[in-house]
Amino acid sequence: MTGVQTCALPICDEIVDVSGAGDTVAAAAALGLVAGGTFLQAANISNFAAGIVVMKSGTATTTRREIIQLMERTSERDSADV
């Protein structure tokens, strides 16, 4: 399809707790937009951030480093699938 943009889906090993995942999505998306990213970039960042916090117990946080590492792992997986 022409003009259709998609978001990458993060690799989630095991979902432990979804508490706070929606807050993480909102915060990461807002950060992505405020930093000058597109809506697609903000959606990608928020998907990865939420994918990390659901693998932690309780209302958790994530770091820039964790998000980048997960994005790299997912990119490697997607490249291998081609």
N, C-alpha and C. Protein backbone atom coordinates (compact mmCIF):
# COMPACT_ATOMS: atom_id res chain seq x y z
N MET A 1 0.84 -1.19 0.00
CA MET A 1 0.00 0.00 0.00
C MET A 1 0.87 1.24 0.00
N THR A 2 0.54 2.17 -0.81
CA THR A 2 1.29 3.40 -0.90
C THR A 2 0.83 4.36 0.19
N GLY A 3 1.80 5.00 0.85
CA GLY A 3 1.48 6.00 1.85
C GLY A 3 1.13 5.46 3.23
N VAL A 4 1.16 4.17 3.41
CA VAL A 4 0.83 3.58 4.71
C VAL A 4 2.11 3.45 5.52
N GLN A 5 2.08 3.96 6.74
CA GLN A 5 3.23 3.86 7.63
C GLN A 5 2.87 2.92 8.77
N THR A 6 3.84 2.14 9.20
CA THR A 6 3.58 1.21 10.28
C THR A 6 4.56 1.43 11.43
N CYS A 7 4.19 0.94 12.59
CA CYS A 7 5.04 1.00 13.77
C CYS A 7 5.65 -0.37 13.99
N ALA A 8 6.89 -0.38 14.42
CA ALA A 8 7.54 -1.64 14.77
C ALA A 8 6.98 -2.14 16.10
N LEU A 9 6.87 -3.44 16.22
CA LEU A 9 6.41 -4.02 17.48
C LEU A 9 7.61 -4.52 18.26
N PRO A 10 7.70 -4.11 19.52
CA PRO A 10 8.84 -4.52 20.33
C PRO A 10 8.80 -6.00 20.68
N ILE A 11 9.96 -6.53 20.98
CA ILE A 11 10.08 -7.90 21.47
C ILE A 11 9.78 -7.86 22.96
N CYS A 12 8.76 -8.56 23.39
CA CYS A 12 8.45 -8.64 24.82
C CYS A 12 8.65 -10.08 25.25
N ASP A 13 9.59 -10.28 26.14
CA ASP A 13 9.88 -11.63 26.60
C ASP A 13 8.72 -12.22 27.39
N GLU A 14 8.30 -11.52 28.42
CA GLU A 14 7.20 -12.01 29.25
C GLU A 14 6.52 -10.82 29.92
N ILE A 15 5.22 -10.72 29.73
CA ILE A 15 4.47 -9.64 30.36
C ILE A 15 4.27 -10.00 31.83
N VAL A 16 4.73 -9.09 32.70
CA VAL A 16 4.67 -9.32 34.14
C VAL A 16 3.56 -8.50 34.77
N ASP A 17 3.47 -7.22 34.41
CA ASP A 17 2.54 -6.30 35.05
C ASP A 17 2.28 -5.12 34.11
N VAL A 18 1.02 -4.84 33.83
CA VAL A 18 0.70 -3.75 32.92
C VAL A 18 0.41 -2.43 33.64
N SER A 19 0.58 -2.42 34.97
CA SER A 19 0.36 -1.19 35.73
C SER A 19 1.25 -0.06 35.21
N GLY A 20 0.65 1.04 34.86
CA GLY A 20 1.40 2.21 34.42
C GLY A 20 1.81 2.21 32.97
N ALA A 21 1.47 1.16 32.22
CA ALA A 21 1.88 1.10 30.81
C ALA A 21 1.25 2.23 29.99
N GLY A 22 0.01 2.55 30.27
CA GLY A 22 -0.65 3.65 29.55
C GLY A 22 -0.01 4.99 29.85
N ASP A 23 0.36 5.20 31.09
CA ASP A 23 1.07 6.43 31.46
C ASP A 23 2.41 6.51 30.74
N THR A 24 3.08 5.37 30.62
CA THR A 24 4.36 5.33 29.91
C THR A 24 4.17 5.69 28.44
N VAL A 25 3.12 5.17 27.83
CA VAL A 25 2.82 5.49 26.42
C VAL A 25 2.60 6.98 26.26
N ALA A 26 1.78 7.56 27.12
CA ALA A 26 1.48 9.00 27.01
C ALA A 26 2.74 9.84 27.20
N ALA A 27 3.53 9.50 28.21
CA ALA A 27 4.75 10.27 28.48
C ALA A 27 5.77 10.15 27.36
N ALA A 28 5.98 8.94 26.87
CA ALA A 28 6.97 8.73 25.81
C ALA A 28 6.53 9.37 24.50
N ALA A 29 5.23 9.30 24.20
CA ALA A 29 4.73 9.94 22.98
C ALA A 29 4.87 11.46 23.07
N ALA A 30 4.54 12.01 24.22
CA ALA A 30 4.68 13.46 24.40
C ALA A 30 6.15 13.87 24.27
N LEU A 31 7.03 13.11 24.87
CA LEU A 31 8.46 13.40 24.79
C LEU A 31 8.94 13.35 23.34
N GLY A 32 8.50 12.33 22.61
CA GLY A 32 8.89 12.21 21.20
C GLY A 32 8.43 13.40 20.37
N LEU A 33 7.21 13.86 20.61
CA LEU A 33 6.68 15.00 19.86
C LEU A 33 7.37 16.30 20.26
N VAL A 34 7.56 16.51 21.56
CA VAL A 34 8.23 17.73 22.04
C VAL A 34 9.66 17.81 21.53
N ALA A 35 10.29 16.65 21.36
CA ALA A 35 11.67 16.61 20.86
C ALA A 35 11.74 16.85 19.36
N GLY A 36 10.58 16.99 18.71
CA GLY A 36 10.57 17.29 17.28
C GLY A 36 10.30 16.10 16.39
N GLY A 37 9.97 14.97 16.97
CA GLY A 37 9.68 13.78 16.18
C GLY A 37 8.32 13.84 15.51
N THR A 38 8.12 12.97 14.55
CA THR A 38 6.82 12.85 13.89
C THR A 38 5.89 12.02 14.76
N PHE A 39 4.62 11.97 14.40
CA PHE A 39 3.68 11.13 15.14
C PHE A 39 4.09 9.66 15.06
N LEU A 40 4.58 9.22 13.91
CA LEU A 40 5.03 7.84 13.75
C LEU A 40 6.23 7.55 14.66
N GLN A 41 7.18 8.45 14.70
CA GLN A 41 8.34 8.26 15.57
C GLN A 41 7.93 8.24 17.05
N ALA A 42 7.02 9.13 17.42
CA ALA A 42 6.54 9.17 18.81
C ALA A 42 5.79 7.88 19.15
N ALA A 43 5.02 7.37 18.21
CA ALA A 43 4.30 6.11 18.44
C ALA A 43 5.27 4.95 18.60
N ASN A 44 6.33 4.92 17.79
CA ASN A 44 7.33 3.86 17.91
C ASN A 44 8.03 3.91 19.27
N ILE A 45 8.44 5.09 19.67
CA ILE A 45 9.12 5.23 20.96
C ILE A 45 8.19 4.79 22.10
N SER A 46 6.94 5.21 22.04
CA SER A 46 6.01 4.86 23.13
C SER A 46 5.72 3.36 23.14
N ASN A 47 5.65 2.71 21.98
CA ASN A 47 5.46 1.25 21.94
C ASN A 47 6.62 0.54 22.61
N PHE A 48 7.82 0.96 22.32
CA PHE A 48 8.99 0.32 22.91
C PHE A 48 9.07 0.58 24.41
N ALA A 49 8.79 1.81 24.82
CA ALA A 49 8.83 2.14 26.25
C ALA A 49 7.82 1.30 27.02
N ALA A 50 6.61 1.18 26.50
CA ALA A 50 5.58 0.37 27.16
C ALA A 50 5.96 -1.11 27.15
N GLY A 51 6.57 -1.57 26.06
CA GLY A 51 7.01 -2.96 25.98
C GLY A 51 8.02 -3.31 27.06
N ILE A 52 8.79 -2.33 27.47
CA ILE A 52 9.78 -2.56 28.53
C ILE A 52 9.11 -2.58 29.89
N VAL A 53 8.26 -1.60 30.18
CA VAL A 53 7.69 -1.52 31.53
C VAL A 53 6.75 -2.67 31.85
N VAL A 54 6.11 -3.26 30.84
CA VAL A 54 5.22 -4.39 31.14
C VAL A 54 6.00 -5.65 31.51
N MET A 55 7.31 -5.65 31.26
CA MET A 55 8.13 -6.80 31.64
C MET A 55 8.70 -6.64 33.05
N LYS A 56 8.32 -5.56 33.73
CA LYS A 56 8.81 -5.30 35.09
C LYS A 56 7.63 -5.39 36.07
N SER A 57 7.94 -5.69 37.30
CA SER A 57 6.92 -5.82 38.32
C SER A 57 6.55 -4.45 38.90
N GLY A 58 5.25 -4.22 39.08
CA GLY A 58 4.78 -2.96 39.66
C GLY A 58 4.80 -1.83 38.65
N THR A 59 4.48 -0.65 39.15
CA THR A 59 4.52 0.53 38.29
C THR A 59 5.99 0.87 38.07
N ALA A 60 6.47 0.63 36.87
CA ALA A 60 7.91 0.70 36.60
C ALA A 60 8.25 1.86 35.67
N THR A 61 9.53 2.10 35.54
CA THR A 61 10.04 3.11 34.61
C THR A 61 10.99 2.44 33.63
N THR A 62 11.38 3.20 32.63
CA THR A 62 12.37 2.72 31.68
C THR A 62 13.39 3.82 31.46
N THR A 63 14.47 3.48 30.83
CA THR A 63 15.52 4.46 30.55
C THR A 63 15.74 4.58 29.05
N ARG A 64 16.40 5.63 28.67
CA ARG A 64 16.75 5.84 27.27
C ARG A 64 17.56 4.65 26.76
N ARG A 65 18.50 4.21 27.57
CA ARG A 65 19.37 3.08 27.18
C ARG A 65 18.54 1.82 26.93
N GLU A 66 17.57 1.52 27.82
CA GLU A 66 16.74 0.32 27.65
C GLU A 66 15.92 0.41 26.36
N ILE A 67 15.39 1.58 26.07
CA ILE A 67 14.58 1.76 24.86
C ILE A 67 15.44 1.55 23.61
N ILE A 68 16.62 2.14 23.60
CA ILE A 68 17.52 1.99 22.44
C ILE A 68 17.93 0.54 22.26
N GLN A 69 18.27 -0.14 23.35
CA GLN A 69 18.67 -1.54 23.25
C GLN A 69 17.54 -2.41 22.69
N LEU A 70 16.30 -2.17 23.15
CA LEU A 70 15.17 -2.95 22.65
C LEU A 70 14.91 -2.64 21.18
N MET A 71 15.05 -1.38 20.79
CA MET A 71 14.88 -1.02 19.37
C MET A 71 15.92 -1.72 18.51
N GLU A 72 17.16 -1.79 19.00
CA GLU A 72 18.22 -2.47 18.24
C GLU A 72 17.94 -3.96 18.12
N ARG A 73 17.50 -4.60 19.22
CA ARG A 73 17.17 -6.03 19.18
C ARG A 73 16.06 -6.30 18.18
N THR A 74 15.05 -5.44 18.18
CA THR A 74 13.91 -5.61 17.28
C THR A 74 14.32 -5.40 15.83
N SER A 75 15.18 -4.41 15.60
CA SER A 75 15.67 -4.15 14.25
C SER A 75 16.46 -5.33 13.72
N GLU A 76 17.30 -5.91 14.58
CA GLU A 76 18.07 -7.09 14.18
C GLU A 76 17.14 -8.26 13.85
N ARG A 77 16.10 -8.44 14.66
CA ARG A 77 15.14 -9.52 14.42
C ARG A 77 14.42 -9.31 13.10
N ASP A 78 13.97 -8.07 12.86
CA ASP A 78 13.23 -7.78 11.63
C ASP A 78 14.11 -7.90 10.39
N SER A 79 15.40 -7.56 10.52
CA SER A 79 16.33 -7.70 9.40
C SER A 79 16.58 -9.17 9.07
N ALA A 80 16.65 -9.99 10.11
CA ALA A 80 16.88 -11.43 9.92
C ALA A 80 15.69 -12.12 9.28
N ASP A 81 14.49 -11.55 9.46
CA ASP A 81 13.27 -12.16 8.90
C ASP A 81 13.12 -11.92 7.40
N VAL A 82 13.89 -10.98 6.86
CA VAL A 82 13.75 -10.62 5.44
C VAL A 82 14.40 -11.62 4.55
